[in-house]
C-alpha cells in the first residue's frame, strides 16, 4: 500500500512537470511568434519608406554594425509613425543619416612599434 501511494505521488509529480514543460514551450512559441510578427511589421514599414537601394544599404550595415542598423530602423519607423516621413528615402539620405549617427564616434587604433 505504501508503494502504491509513492507510485501515485511520483506519477502526479511527473504529470505536473510535463504540464509545466508544455506551458513553458507554448509561452516560448507565442513569444517567438510575436517577435516574428514585429519583425514583419517593421520590414513592411521600411519597404514603404525606403527605396530598394536604401534597404540594401541598411542590410549591409546590419552585417557589420547590427546595433547601428537597428537604431536607424527604429528611428525611421518612429518618424514614419509620427507622419514626419511622407516620401520614400533614397540611399544617399540613408548614407547621410548613418554618417550623422557615427560622426561623433572615433575609432581607436593601437599601433605597435618594432624595436
PDB file of N, CA and C in Angstrom:
ATOM      1  N   UNK A   1       0.809  -1.194   0.000  1.00  0.00           N
ATOM      2  CA  UNK A   1       0.000   0.000   0.000  1.00  0.00           C
ATOM      3  C   UNK A   1       0.855   1.262   0.000  1.00  0.00           C
ATOM      4  N   UNK A   2       1.926   1.210   0.760  1.00  0.00           N
ATOM      5  CA  UNK A   2       2.831   2.359   0.803  1.00  0.00           C
ATOM      6  C   UNK A   2       3.462   2.578  -0.563  1.00  0.00           C
ATOM      7  N   UNK A   3       3.801   1.487  -1.251  1.00  0.00           N
ATOM      8  CA  UNK A   3       4.379   1.576  -2.590  1.00  0.00           C
ATOM      9  C   UNK A   3       3.387   2.197  -3.579  1.00  0.00           C
ATOM     10  N   UNK A   4       2.101   1.825  -3.453  1.00  0.00           N
ATOM     11  CA  UNK A   4       1.070   2.387  -4.319  1.00  0.00           C
ATOM     12  C   UNK A   4       0.976   3.899  -4.129  1.00  0.00           C
ATOM     13  N   UNK A   5       1.040   4.328  -2.878  1.00  0.00           N
ATOM     14  CA  UNK A   5       0.957   5.764  -2.572  1.00  0.00           C
ATOM     15  C   UNK A   5       2.168   6.509  -3.155  1.00  0.00           C
ATOM     16  N   UNK A   6       3.347   5.932  -3.019  1.00  0.00           N
ATOM     17  CA  UNK A   6       4.563   6.552  -3.570  1.00  0.00           C
ATOM     18  C   UNK A   6       4.494   6.610  -5.099  1.00  0.00           C
ATOM     19  N   UNK A   7       3.999   5.537  -5.683  1.00  0.00           N
ATOM     20  CA  UNK A   7       3.868   5.480  -7.132  1.00  0.00           C
ATOM     21  C   UNK A   7       2.886   6.548  -7.631  1.00  0.00           C
ATOM     22  N   UNK A   8       1.743   6.685  -6.939  1.00  0.00           N
ATOM     23  CA  UNK A   8       0.774   7.723  -7.306  1.00  0.00           C
ATOM     24  C   UNK A   8       1.379   9.120  -7.185  1.00  0.00           C
ATOM     25  N   UNK A   9       2.137   9.330  -6.118  1.00  0.00           N
ATOM     26  CA  UNK A   9       2.774  10.636  -5.903  1.00  0.00           C
ATOM     27  C   UNK A   9       3.814  10.923  -6.993  1.00  0.00           C
ATOM     28  N   UNK A  10       4.576   9.910  -7.364  1.00  0.00           N
ATOM     29  CA  UNK A  10       5.554  10.079  -8.438  1.00  0.00           C
ATOM     30  C   UNK A  10       4.855  10.398  -9.765  1.00  0.00           C
ATOM     31  N   UNK A  11       3.801   9.681 -10.053  1.00  0.00           N
ATOM     32  CA  UNK A  11       3.044   9.937 -11.286  1.00  0.00           C
ATOM     33  C   UNK A  11       2.474  11.354 -11.296  1.00  0.00           C
ATOM     34  N   UNK A  12       1.946  11.759 -10.147  1.00  0.00           N
ATOM     35  CA  UNK A  12       1.368  13.096 -10.021  1.00  0.00           C
ATOM     36  C   UNK A  12       2.435  14.168 -10.283  1.00  0.00           C
ATOM     37  N   UNK A  13       3.611  14.005  -9.676  1.00  0.00           N
ATOM     38  CA  UNK A  13       4.707  14.965  -9.861  1.00  0.00           C
ATOM     39  C   UNK A  13       5.179  14.991 -11.312  1.00  0.00           C
ATOM     40  N   UNK A  14       5.280  13.799 -11.897  1.00  0.00           N
ATOM     41  CA  UNK A  14       5.722  13.714 -13.293  1.00  0.00           C
ATOM     42  C   UNK A  14       4.702  14.401 -14.215  1.00  0.00           C
ATOM     43  N   UNK A  15       3.422  14.205 -13.966  1.00  0.00           N
ATOM     44  CA  UNK A  15       2.374  14.836 -14.773  1.00  0.00           C
ATOM     45  C   UNK A  15       2.444  16.361 -14.631  1.00  0.00           C
ATOM     46  N   UNK A  16       2.642  16.855 -13.413  1.00  0.00           N
ATOM     47  CA  UNK A  16       2.756  18.302 -13.198  1.00  0.00           C
ATOM     48  C   UNK A  16       3.983  18.859 -13.920  1.00  0.00           C
ATOM     49  N   UNK A  17       5.062  18.113 -13.865  1.00  0.00           N
ATOM     50  CA  UNK A  17       6.297  18.525 -14.543  1.00  0.00           C
ATOM     51  C   UNK A  17       6.079  18.599 -16.060  1.00  0.00           C
ATOM     52  N   UNK A  18       5.383  17.618 -16.607  1.00  0.00           N
ATOM     53  CA  UNK A  18       5.115  17.600 -18.045  1.00  0.00           C
ATOM     54  C   UNK A  18       4.194  18.767 -18.437  1.00  0.00           C
ATOM     55  N   UNK A  19       3.209  19.059 -17.596  1.00  0.00           N
ATOM     56  CA  UNK A  19       2.303  20.167 -17.877  1.00  0.00           C
ATOM     57  C   UNK A  19       3.058  21.496 -17.848  1.00  0.00           C
ATOM     58  N   UNK A  20       3.915  21.658 -16.855  1.00  0.00           N
ATOM     59  CA  UNK A  20       4.721  22.877 -16.758  1.00  0.00           C
ATOM     60  C   UNK A  20       5.618  23.042 -17.978  1.00  0.00           C
ATOM     61  N   UNK A  21       6.221  21.938 -18.394  1.00  0.00           N
ATOM     62  CA  UNK A  21       7.091  21.963 -19.564  1.00  0.00           C
ATOM     63  C   UNK A  21       6.303  22.349 -20.817  1.00  0.00           C
ATOM     64  N   UNK A  22       5.105  21.801 -20.970  1.00  0.00           N
ATOM     65  CA  UNK A  22       4.267  22.126 -22.127  1.00  0.00           C
ATOM     66  C   UNK A  22       3.851  23.596 -22.092  1.00  0.00           C
ATOM     67  N   UNK A  23       3.527  24.107 -20.919  1.00  0.00           N
ATOM     68  CA  UNK A  23       3.150  25.515 -20.781  1.00  0.00           C
ATOM     69  C   UNK A  23       4.334  26.418 -21.118  1.00  0.00           C
ATOM     70  N   UNK A  24       5.520  26.067 -20.643  1.00  0.00           N
ATOM     71  CA  UNK A  24       6.717  26.849 -20.946  1.00  0.00           C
ATOM     72  C   UNK A  24       6.986  26.866 -22.448  1.00  0.00           C
ATOM     73  N   UNK A  25       6.833  25.716 -23.087  1.00  0.00           N
ATOM     74  CA  UNK A  25       7.066  25.623 -24.523  1.00  0.00           C
ATOM     75  C   UNK A  25       6.046  26.464 -25.288  1.00  0.00           C
ATOM     76  N   UNK A  26       4.790  26.413 -24.870  1.00  0.00           N
ATOM     77  CA  UNK A  26       3.739  27.210 -25.508  1.00  0.00           C
ATOM     78  C   UNK A  26       4.038  28.704 -25.364  1.00  0.00           C
ATOM     79  N   UNK A  27       4.453  29.111 -24.174  1.00  0.00           N
ATOM     80  CA  UNK A  27       4.774  30.519 -23.943  1.00  0.00           C
ATOM     81  C   UNK A  27       5.957  30.947 -24.803  1.00  0.00           C
ATOM     82  N   UNK A  28       6.951  30.089 -24.915  1.00  0.00           N
ATOM     83  CA  UNK A  28       8.114  30.388 -25.745  1.00  0.00           C
ATOM     84  C   UNK A  28       7.722  30.522 -27.214  1.00  0.00           C
ATOM     85  N   UNK A  29       6.860  29.634 -27.692  1.00  0.00           N
ATOM     86  CA  UNK A  29       6.402  29.698 -29.076  1.00  0.00           C
ATOM     87  C   UNK A  29       5.603  30.969 -29.331  1.00  0.00           C
ATOM     88  N   UNK A  30       4.767  31.349 -28.367  1.00  0.00           N
ATOM     89  CA  UNK A  30       3.982  32.574 -28.518  1.00  0.00           C
ATOM     90  C   UNK A  30       4.882  33.799 -28.564  1.00  0.00           C
ATOM     91  N   UNK A  31       5.897  33.802 -27.713  1.00  0.00           N
ATOM     92  CA  UNK A  31       6.839  34.920 -27.693  1.00  0.00           C
ATOM     93  C   UNK A  31       7.609  34.994 -29.017  1.00  0.00           C
ATOM     94  N   UNK A  32       8.038  33.859 -29.522  1.00  0.00           N
ATOM     95  CA  UNK A  32       8.757  33.818 -30.792  1.00  0.00           C
ATOM     96  C   UNK A  32       7.854  34.299 -31.934  1.00  0.00           C
ATOM     97  N   UNK A  33       6.605  33.891 -31.926  1.00  0.00           N
ATOM     98  CA  UNK A  33       5.666  34.314 -32.958  1.00  0.00           C
ATOM     99  C   UNK A  33       5.444  35.825 -32.882  1.00  0.00           C
ATOM    100  N   UNK A  34       5.338  36.369 -31.678  1.00  0.00           N
ATOM    101  CA  UNK A  34       5.158  37.812 -31.517  1.00  0.00           C
ATOM    102  C   UNK A  34       6.374  38.565 -32.048  1.00  0.00           C
ATOM    103  N   UNK A  35       7.570  38.034 -31.803  1.00  0.00           N
ATOM    104  CA  UNK A  35       8.787  38.671 -32.304  1.00  0.00           C
ATOM    105  C   UNK A  35       8.825  38.635 -33.835  1.00  0.00           C
ATOM    106  N   UNK A  36       8.425  37.517 -34.418  1.00  0.00           N
ATOM    107  CA  UNK A  36       8.401  37.395 -35.873  1.00  0.00           C
ATOM    108  C   UNK A  36       7.387  38.366 -36.483  1.00  0.00           C
ATOM    109  N   UNK A  37       6.235  38.512 -35.837  1.00  0.00           N
ATOM    110  CA  UNK A  37       5.228  39.450 -36.323  1.00  0.00           C
ATOM    111  C   UNK A  37       5.742  40.886 -36.244  1.00  0.00           C
ATOM    112  N   UNK A  38       6.445  41.209 -35.173  1.00  0.00           N
ATOM    113  CA  UNK A  38       7.021  42.544 -35.016  1.00  0.00           C
ATOM    114  C   UNK A  38       8.064  42.813 -36.101  1.00  0.00           C
ATOM    115  N   UNK A  39       8.936  41.825 -36.376  1.00  0.00           N
ATOM    116  CA  UNK A  39       9.931  41.971 -37.450  1.00  0.00           C
ATOM    117  C   UNK A  39       9.257  42.179 -38.798  1.00  0.00           C
ATOM    118  N   UNK A  40       8.197  41.417 -39.055  1.00  0.00           N
ATOM    119  CA  UNK A  40       7.474  41.546 -40.327  1.00  0.00           C
ATOM    120  C   UNK A  40       6.832  42.928 -40.435  1.00  0.00           C
ATOM    121  N   UNK A  41       6.290  43.425 -39.341  1.00  0.00           N
ATOM    122  CA  UNK A  41       5.672  44.753 -39.335  1.00  0.00           C
ATOM    123  C   UNK A  41       6.727  45.820 -39.619  1.00  0.00           C
ATOM    124  N   UNK A  42       7.884  45.698 -38.986  1.00  0.00           N
ATOM    125  CA  UNK A  42       8.963  46.660 -39.216  1.00  0.00           C
ATOM    126  C   UNK A  42       9.429  46.625 -40.665  1.00  0.00           C
ATOM    127  N   UNK A  43       9.583  45.429 -41.219  1.00  0.00           N
ATOM    128  CA  UNK A  43      10.029  45.309 -42.605  1.00  0.00           C
ATOM    129  C   UNK A  43       9.006  45.907 -43.562  1.00  0.00           C
ATOM    130  N   UNK A  44       7.734  45.743 -43.268  1.00  0.00           N
ATOM    131  CA  UNK A  44       6.679  46.313 -44.106  1.00  0.00           C
ATOM    132  C   UNK A  44       6.763  47.841 -44.102  1.00  0.00           C
ATOM    133  N   UNK A  45       6.956  48.431 -42.942  1.00  0.00           N
ATOM    134  CA  UNK A  45       7.069  49.889 -42.852  1.00  0.00           C
ATOM    135  C   UNK A  45       8.316  50.364 -43.591  1.00  0.00           C
ATOM    136  N   UNK A  46       9.435  49.650 -43.415  1.00  0.00           N
ATOM    137  CA  UNK A  46      10.671  50.047 -44.090  1.00  0.00           C
ATOM    138  C   UNK A  46      10.527  49.940 -45.606  1.00  0.00           C
ATOM    139  N   UNK A  47       9.792  48.943 -46.086  1.00  0.00           N
ATOM    140  CA  UNK A  47       9.558  48.825 -47.539  1.00  0.00           C
ATOM    141  C   UNK A  47       8.773  50.026 -48.061  1.00  0.00           C
ATOM    142  N   UNK A  48       7.928  50.599 -47.219  1.00  0.00           N
ATOM    143  CA  UNK A  48       7.117  51.737 -47.642  1.00  0.00           C
ATOM    144  C   UNK A  48       7.910  53.041 -47.644  1.00  0.00           C
ATOM    145  N   UNK A  49       8.912  53.165 -46.774  1.00  0.00           N
ATOM    146  CA  UNK A  49       9.603  54.452 -46.649  1.00  0.00           C
ATOM    147  C   UNK A  49      11.014  54.458 -47.230  1.00  0.00           C
ATOM    148  N   UNK A  50      11.544  53.294 -47.654  1.00  0.00           N
ATOM    149  CA  UNK A  50      12.902  53.231 -48.206  1.00  0.00           C
ATOM    150  C   UNK A  50      12.873  52.655 -49.618  1.00  0.00           C
ATOM    151  N   UNK A  51      13.686  53.235 -50.489  1.00  0.00           N
ATOM    152  CA  UNK A  51      13.797  52.631 -51.814  1.00  0.00           C
ATOM    153  C   UNK A  51      14.688  51.388 -51.718  1.00  0.00           C
ATOM    154  N   UNK A  52      14.705  50.528 -52.739  1.00  0.00           N
ATOM    155  CA  UNK A  52      15.453  49.270 -52.661  1.00  0.00           C
ATOM    156  C   UNK A  52      16.940  49.445 -52.334  1.00  0.00           C
ATOM    157  N   UNK A  53      17.574  50.462 -52.903  1.00  0.00           N
ATOM    158  CA  UNK A  53      18.997  50.677 -52.621  1.00  0.00           C
ATOM    159  C   UNK A  53      19.217  51.090 -51.160  1.00  0.00           C
ATOM    160  N   UNK A  54      18.300  51.864 -50.617  1.00  0.00           N
ATOM    161  CA  UNK A  54      18.407  52.281 -49.211  1.00  0.00           C
ATOM    162  C   UNK A  54      18.236  51.074 -48.285  1.00  0.00           C
ATOM    163  N   UNK A  55      17.298  50.202 -48.620  1.00  0.00           N
ATOM    164  CA  UNK A  55      17.118  48.979 -47.820  1.00  0.00           C
ATOM    165  C   UNK A  55      18.356  48.099 -47.890  1.00  0.00           C
ATOM    166  N   UNK A  56      18.931  48.007 -49.087  1.00  0.00           N
ATOM    167  CA  UNK A  56      20.146  47.209 -49.255  1.00  0.00           C
ATOM    168  C   UNK A  56      21.296  47.804 -48.438  1.00  0.00           C
ATOM    169  N   UNK A  57      21.407  49.129 -48.440  1.00  0.00           N
ATOM    170  CA  UNK A  57      22.448  49.793 -47.655  1.00  0.00           C
ATOM    171  C   UNK A  57      22.294  49.449 -46.173  1.00  0.00           C
ATOM    172  N   UNK A  58      21.072  49.533 -45.665  1.00  0.00           N
ATOM    173  CA  UNK A  58      20.842  49.189 -44.258  1.00  0.00           C
ATOM    174  C   UNK A  58      21.137  47.718 -43.983  1.00  0.00           C
ATOM    175  N   UNK A  59      20.834  46.851 -44.919  1.00  0.00           N
ATOM    176  CA  UNK A  59      21.126  45.425 -44.757  1.00  0.00           C
ATOM    177  C   UNK A  59      22.633  45.206 -44.677  1.00  0.00           C
ATOM    178  N   UNK A  60      23.400  45.934 -45.500  1.00  0.00           N
ATOM    179  CA  UNK A  60      24.859  45.818 -45.453  1.00  0.00           C
ATOM    180  C   UNK A  60      25.406  46.350 -44.129  1.00  0.00           C
ATOM    181  N   UNK A  61      24.847  47.446 -43.659  1.00  0.00           N
ATOM    182  CA  UNK A  61      25.272  47.997 -42.369  1.00  0.00           C
ATOM    183  C   UNK A  61      24.974  47.001 -41.266  1.00  0.00           C
ATOM    184  N   UNK A  62      23.826  46.319 -41.366  1.00  0.00           N
ATOM    185  CA  UNK A  62      23.443  45.344 -40.335  1.00  0.00           C
ATOM    186  C   UNK A  62      24.480  44.226 -40.205  1.00  0.00           C
ATOM    187  N   UNK A  63      25.121  43.867 -41.306  1.00  0.00           N
ATOM    188  CA  UNK A  63      26.138  42.813 -41.255  1.00  0.00           C
ATOM    189  C   UNK A  63      27.334  43.228 -40.404  1.00  0.00           C
ATOM    190  N   UNK A  64      27.677  44.514 -40.467  1.00  0.00           N
ATOM    191  CA  UNK A  64      28.866  45.000 -39.763  1.00  0.00           C
ATOM    192  C   UNK A  64      28.514  45.588 -38.396  1.00  0.00           C
ATOM    193  N   UNK A  65      27.452  46.371 -38.363  1.00  0.00           N
ATOM    194  CA  UNK A  65      27.041  47.050 -37.134  1.00  0.00           C
ATOM    195  C   UNK A  65      25.541  46.858 -36.907  1.00  0.00           C
ATOM    196  N   UNK A  66      25.141  45.686 -36.420  1.00  0.00           N
ATOM    197  CA  UNK A  66      23.709  45.419 -36.246  1.00  0.00           C
ATOM    198  C   UNK A  66      23.031  46.419 -35.307  1.00  0.00           C
ATOM    199  N   UNK A  67      23.767  46.883 -34.308  1.00  0.00           N
ATOM    200  CA  UNK A  67      23.190  47.844 -33.361  1.00  0.00           C
ATOM    201  C   UNK A  67      22.870  49.166 -34.052  1.00  0.00           C
ATOM    202  N   UNK A  68      23.741  49.627 -34.912  1.00  0.00           N
ATOM    203  CA  UNK A  68      23.526  50.877 -35.641  1.00  0.00           C
ATOM    204  C   UNK A  68      22.349  50.741 -36.601  1.00  0.00           C
ATOM    205  N   UNK A  69      22.293  49.647 -37.335  1.00  0.00           N
ATOM    206  CA  UNK A  69      21.194  49.423 -38.281  1.00  0.00           C
ATOM    207  C   UNK A  69      19.859  49.376 -37.540  1.00  0.00           C
ATOM    208  N   UNK A  70      19.829  48.693 -36.424  1.00  0.00           N
ATOM    209  CA  UNK A  70      18.608  48.593 -35.615  1.00  0.00           C
ATOM    210  C   UNK A  70      18.178  49.973 -35.127  1.00  0.00           C
ATOM    211  N   UNK A  71      19.144  50.750 -34.681  1.00  0.00           N
ATOM    212  CA  UNK A  71      18.870  52.089 -34.183  1.00  0.00           C
ATOM    213  C   UNK A  71      18.284  52.967 -35.290  1.00  0.00           C
ATOM    214  N   UNK A  72      18.896  52.951 -36.463  1.00  0.00           N
ATOM    215  CA  UNK A  72      18.409  53.752 -37.597  1.00  0.00           C
ATOM    216  C   UNK A  72      17.006  53.299 -37.993  1.00  0.00           C
ATOM    217  N   UNK A  73      16.804  52.004 -38.086  1.00  0.00           N
ATOM    218  CA  UNK A  73      15.485  51.488 -38.469  1.00  0.00           C
ATOM    219  C   UNK A  73      14.419  51.927 -37.472  1.00  0.00           C
ATOM    220  N   UNK A  74      14.718  51.800 -36.180  1.00  0.00           N
ATOM    221  CA  UNK A  74      13.743  52.190 -35.158  1.00  0.00           C
ATOM    222  C   UNK A  74      13.413  53.674 -35.245  1.00  0.00           C
ATOM    223  N   UNK A  75      14.428  54.500 -35.467  1.00  0.00           N
ATOM    224  CA  UNK A  75      14.172  55.936 -35.586  1.00  0.00           C
ATOM    225  C   UNK A  75      13.339  56.250 -36.826  1.00  0.00           C
ATOM    226  N   UNK A  76      13.660  55.601 -37.938  1.00  0.00           N
ATOM    227  CA  UNK A  76      12.885  55.829 -39.161  1.00  0.00           C
ATOM    228  C   UNK A  76      11.438  55.404 -38.989  1.00  0.00           C
ATOM    229  N   UNK A  77      11.225  54.272 -38.345  1.00  0.00           N
ATOM    230  CA  UNK A  77       9.863  53.776 -38.116  1.00  0.00           C
ATOM    231  C   UNK A  77       9.109  54.732 -37.204  1.00  0.00           C
ATOM    232  N   UNK A  78       9.786  55.223 -36.191  1.00  0.00           N
ATOM    233  CA  UNK A  78       9.149  56.165 -35.273  1.00  0.00           C
ATOM    234  C   UNK A  78       8.759  57.452 -36.005  1.00  0.00           C
ATOM    235  N   UNK A  79       9.670  57.968 -36.827  1.00  0.00           N
ATOM    236  CA  UNK A  79       9.361  59.177 -37.593  1.00  0.00           C
ATOM    237  C   UNK A  79       8.208  58.943 -38.565  1.00  0.00           C
ATOM    238  N   UNK A  80       8.197  57.789 -39.196  1.00  0.00           N
ATOM    239  CA  UNK A  80       7.118  57.463 -40.135  1.00  0.00           C
ATOM    240  C   UNK A  80       5.781  57.366 -39.404  1.00  0.00           C
ATOM    241  N   UNK A  81       5.781  56.768 -38.228  1.00  0.00           N
ATOM    242  CA  UNK A  81       4.526  56.625 -37.490  1.00  0.00           C
ATOM    243  C   UNK A  81       4.016  57.973 -36.988  1.00  0.00           C
ATOM    244  N   UNK A  82       4.910  58.936 -36.799  1.00  0.00           N
ATOM    245  CA  UNK A  82       4.509  60.278 -36.382  1.00  0.00           C
ATOM    246  C   UNK A  82       4.131  61.136 -37.586  1.00  0.00           C
ATOM    247  N   UNK A  83       4.291  60.598 -38.796  1.00  0.00           N
ATOM    248  CA  UNK A  83       3.934  61.332 -40.001  1.00  0.00           C
ATOM    249  C   UNK A  83       5.000  62.305 -40.473  1.00  0.00           C
ATOM    250  N   UNK A  84       6.218  62.174 -39.948  1.00  0.00           N
ATOM    251  CA  UNK A  84       7.277  63.105 -40.323  1.00  0.00           C
ATOM    252  C   UNK A  84       8.044  62.653 -41.557  1.00  0.00           C
ATOM    253  N   UNK A  85       7.824  61.411 -41.982  1.00  0.00           N
ATOM    254  CA  UNK A  85       8.389  60.935 -43.255  1.00  0.00           C
ATOM    255  C   UNK A  85       7.201  60.701 -44.172  1.00  0.00           C
ATOM    256  N   UNK A  86       7.125  61.508 -45.228  1.00  0.00           N
ATOM    257  CA  UNK A  86       5.969  61.388 -46.116  1.00  0.00           C
ATOM    258  C   UNK A  86       6.394  61.099 -47.555  1.00  0.00           C
ATOM    259  N   UNK A  87       7.599  60.542 -47.713  1.00  0.00           N
ATOM    260  CA  UNK A  87       8.074  60.161 -49.037  1.00  0.00           C
ATOM    261  C   UNK A  87       9.069  59.016 -48.872  1.00  0.00           C
ATOM    262  N   UNK A  88       9.492  58.453 -49.990  1.00  0.00           N
ATOM    263  CA  UNK A  88      10.450  57.346 -49.973  1.00  0.00           C
ATOM    264  C   UNK A  88      11.861  57.926 -49.865  1.00  0.00           C
ATOM    265  N   UNK A  89      12.635  57.401 -48.898  1.00  0.00           N
ATOM    266  CA  UNK A  89      14.005  57.870 -48.701  1.00  0.00           C
ATOM    267  C   UNK A  89      14.962  57.127 -49.627  1.00  0.00           C
ATOM    268  N   UNK A  90      15.982  57.834 -50.096  1.00  0.00           N
ATOM    269  CA  UNK A  90      16.952  57.257 -51.022  1.00  0.00           C
ATOM    270  C   UNK A  90      18.178  56.751 -50.267  1.00  0.00           C
ATOM    271  N   UNK A  91      19.023  56.058 -51.001  1.00  0.00           N
ATOM    272  CA  UNK A  91      20.268  55.545 -50.408  1.00  0.00           C
ATOM    273  C   UNK A  91      21.145  56.693 -49.923  1.00  0.00           C
ATOM    274  N   UNK A  92      21.205  57.778 -50.683  1.00  0.00           N
ATOM    275  CA  UNK A  92      22.026  58.921 -50.284  1.00  0.00           C
ATOM    276  C   UNK A  92      21.550  59.485 -48.947  1.00  0.00           C
ATOM    277  N   UNK A  93      20.249  59.574 -48.769  1.00  0.00           N
ATOM    278  CA  UNK A  93      19.712  60.075 -47.495  1.00  0.00           C
ATOM    279  C   UNK A  93      20.044  59.131 -46.346  1.00  0.00           C
ATOM    280  N   UNK A  94      19.992  57.834 -46.604  1.00  0.00           N
ATOM    281  CA  UNK A  94      20.355  56.859 -45.573  1.00  0.00           C
ATOM    282  C   UNK A  94      21.842  56.989 -45.242  1.00  0.00           C
ATOM    283  N   UNK A  95      22.674  57.179 -46.263  1.00  0.00           N
ATOM    284  CA  UNK A  95      24.105  57.375 -46.021  1.00  0.00           C
ATOM    285  C   UNK A  95      24.342  58.618 -45.160  1.00  0.00           C
ATOM    286  N   UNK A  96      23.598  59.684 -45.439  1.00  0.00           N
ATOM    287  CA  UNK A  96      23.722  60.910 -44.635  1.00  0.00           C
ATOM    288  C   UNK A  96      23.312  60.656 -43.188  1.00  0.00           C
ATOM    289  N   UNK A  97      22.220  59.944 -42.999  1.00  0.00           N
ATOM    290  CA  UNK A  97      21.761  59.624 -41.638  1.00  0.00           C
ATOM    291  C   UNK A  97      22.805  58.790 -40.916  1.00  0.00           C
ATOM    292  N   UNK A  98      23.331  57.783 -41.593  1.00  0.00           N
ATOM    293  CA  UNK A  98      24.350  56.923 -40.987  1.00  0.00           C
ATOM    294  C   UNK A  98      25.598  57.721 -40.620  1.00  0.00           C
ATOM    295  N   UNK A  99      26.016  58.613 -41.497  1.00  0.00           N
ATOM    296  CA  UNK A  99      27.228  59.387 -41.204  1.00  0.00           C
ATOM    297  C   UNK A  99      26.990  60.335 -40.028  1.00  0.00           C
ATOM    298  N   UNK A 100      25.789  60.910 -39.935  1.00  0.00           N
ATOM    299  CA  UNK A 100      25.488  61.776 -38.791  1.00  0.00           C
ATOM    300  C   UNK A 100      25.461  60.988 -37.484  1.00  0.00           C
ATOM    301  N   UNK A 101      24.995  59.761 -37.543  1.00  0.00           N
ATOM    302  CA  UNK A 101      24.898  58.961 -36.323  1.00  0.00           C
ATOM    303  C   UNK A 101      26.260  58.431 -35.877  1.00  0.00           C
ATOM    304  N   UNK A 102      27.219  58.372 -36.785  1.00  0.00           N
ATOM    305  CA  UNK A 102      28.532  57.831 -36.423  1.00  0.00           C
ATOM    306  C   UNK A 102      29.619  58.891 -36.363  1.00  0.00           C
ATOM    307  N   UNK A 103      29.305  60.148 -36.690  1.00  0.00           N
ATOM    308  CA  UNK A 103      30.358  61.155 -36.757  1.00  0.00           C
ATOM    309  C   UNK A 103      30.971  61.481 -35.400  1.00  0.00           C
ATOM    310  N   UNK A 104      30.238  61.342 -34.333  1.00  0.00           N
ATOM    311  CA  UNK A 104      30.769  61.648 -33.010  1.00  0.00           C
ATOM    312  C   UNK A 104      31.659  60.553 -32.445  1.00  0.00           C
ATOM    313  N   UNK A 105      31.650  59.412 -33.066  1.00  0.00           N
ATOM    314  CA  UNK A 105      32.433  58.286 -32.565  1.00  0.00           C
ATOM    315  C   UNK A 105      33.757  58.209 -33.297  1.00  0.00           C
ATOM    316  N   UNK A 106      34.786  57.927 -32.536  1.00  0.00           N
ATOM    317  CA  UNK A 106      36.111  57.815 -33.141  1.00  0.00           C
ATOM    318  C   UNK A 106      36.606  56.382 -32.993  1.00  0.00           C
ATOM    319  N   UNK A 107      37.325  55.940 -34.004  1.00  0.00           N
ATOM    320  CA  UNK A 107      37.951  54.625 -33.921  1.00  0.00           C
ATOM    321  C   UNK A 107      39.296  54.788 -33.226  1.00  0.00           C
ATOM    322  N   UNK A 108      39.551  53.914 -32.294  1.00  0.00           N
ATOM    323  CA  UNK A 108      40.825  53.936 -31.600  1.00  0.00           C
ATOM    324  C   UNK A 108      41.718  52.889 -32.240  1.00  0.00           C
ATOM    325  N   UNK A 109      42.869  53.325 -32.699  1.00  0.00           N
ATOM    326  CA  UNK A 109      43.800  52.413 -33.337  1.00  0.00           C
ATOM    327  C   UNK A 109      45.062  52.359 -32.502  1.00  0.00           C
ATOM    328  N   UNK A 110      45.513  51.171 -32.250  1.00  0.00           N
ATOM    329  CA  UNK A 110      46.735  50.965 -31.492  1.00  0.00           C
ATOM    330  C   UNK A 110      47.783  50.426 -32.454  1.00  0.00           C
ATOM    331  N   UNK A 111      48.879  51.128 -32.521  1.00  0.00           N
ATOM    332  CA  UNK A 111      49.953  50.683 -33.413  1.00  0.00           C
ATOM    333  C   UNK A 111      51.112  50.178 -32.551  1.00  0.00           C
ATOM    334  N   UNK A 112      51.674  49.093 -32.979  1.00  0.00           N
ATOM    335  CA  UNK A 112      52.852  48.556 -32.299  1.00  0.00           C
ATOM    336  C   UNK A 112      54.080  49.046 -33.008  1.00  0.00           C
ATOM    337  N   UNK A 113      55.016  49.454 -32.230  1.00  0.00           N
ATOM    338  CA  UNK A 113      56.294  49.878 -32.828  1.00  0.00           C
ATOM    339  C   UNK A 113      57.301  48.778 -32.615  1.00  0.00           C
ATOM    340  N   UNK A 114      57.985  48.449 -33.662  1.00  0.00           N
ATOM    341  CA  UNK A 114      59.012  47.413 -33.536  1.00  0.00           C
ATOM    342  C   UNK A 114      60.297  48.058 -33.025  1.00  0.00           C
ATOM    343  N   UNK A 115      61.004  47.296 -32.221  1.00  0.00           N
ATOM    344  CA  UNK A 115      62.222  47.825 -31.602  1.00  0.00           C
ATOM    345  C   UNK A 115      63.434  47.661 -32.468  1.00  0.00           C
TER     346      UNK A 115
END
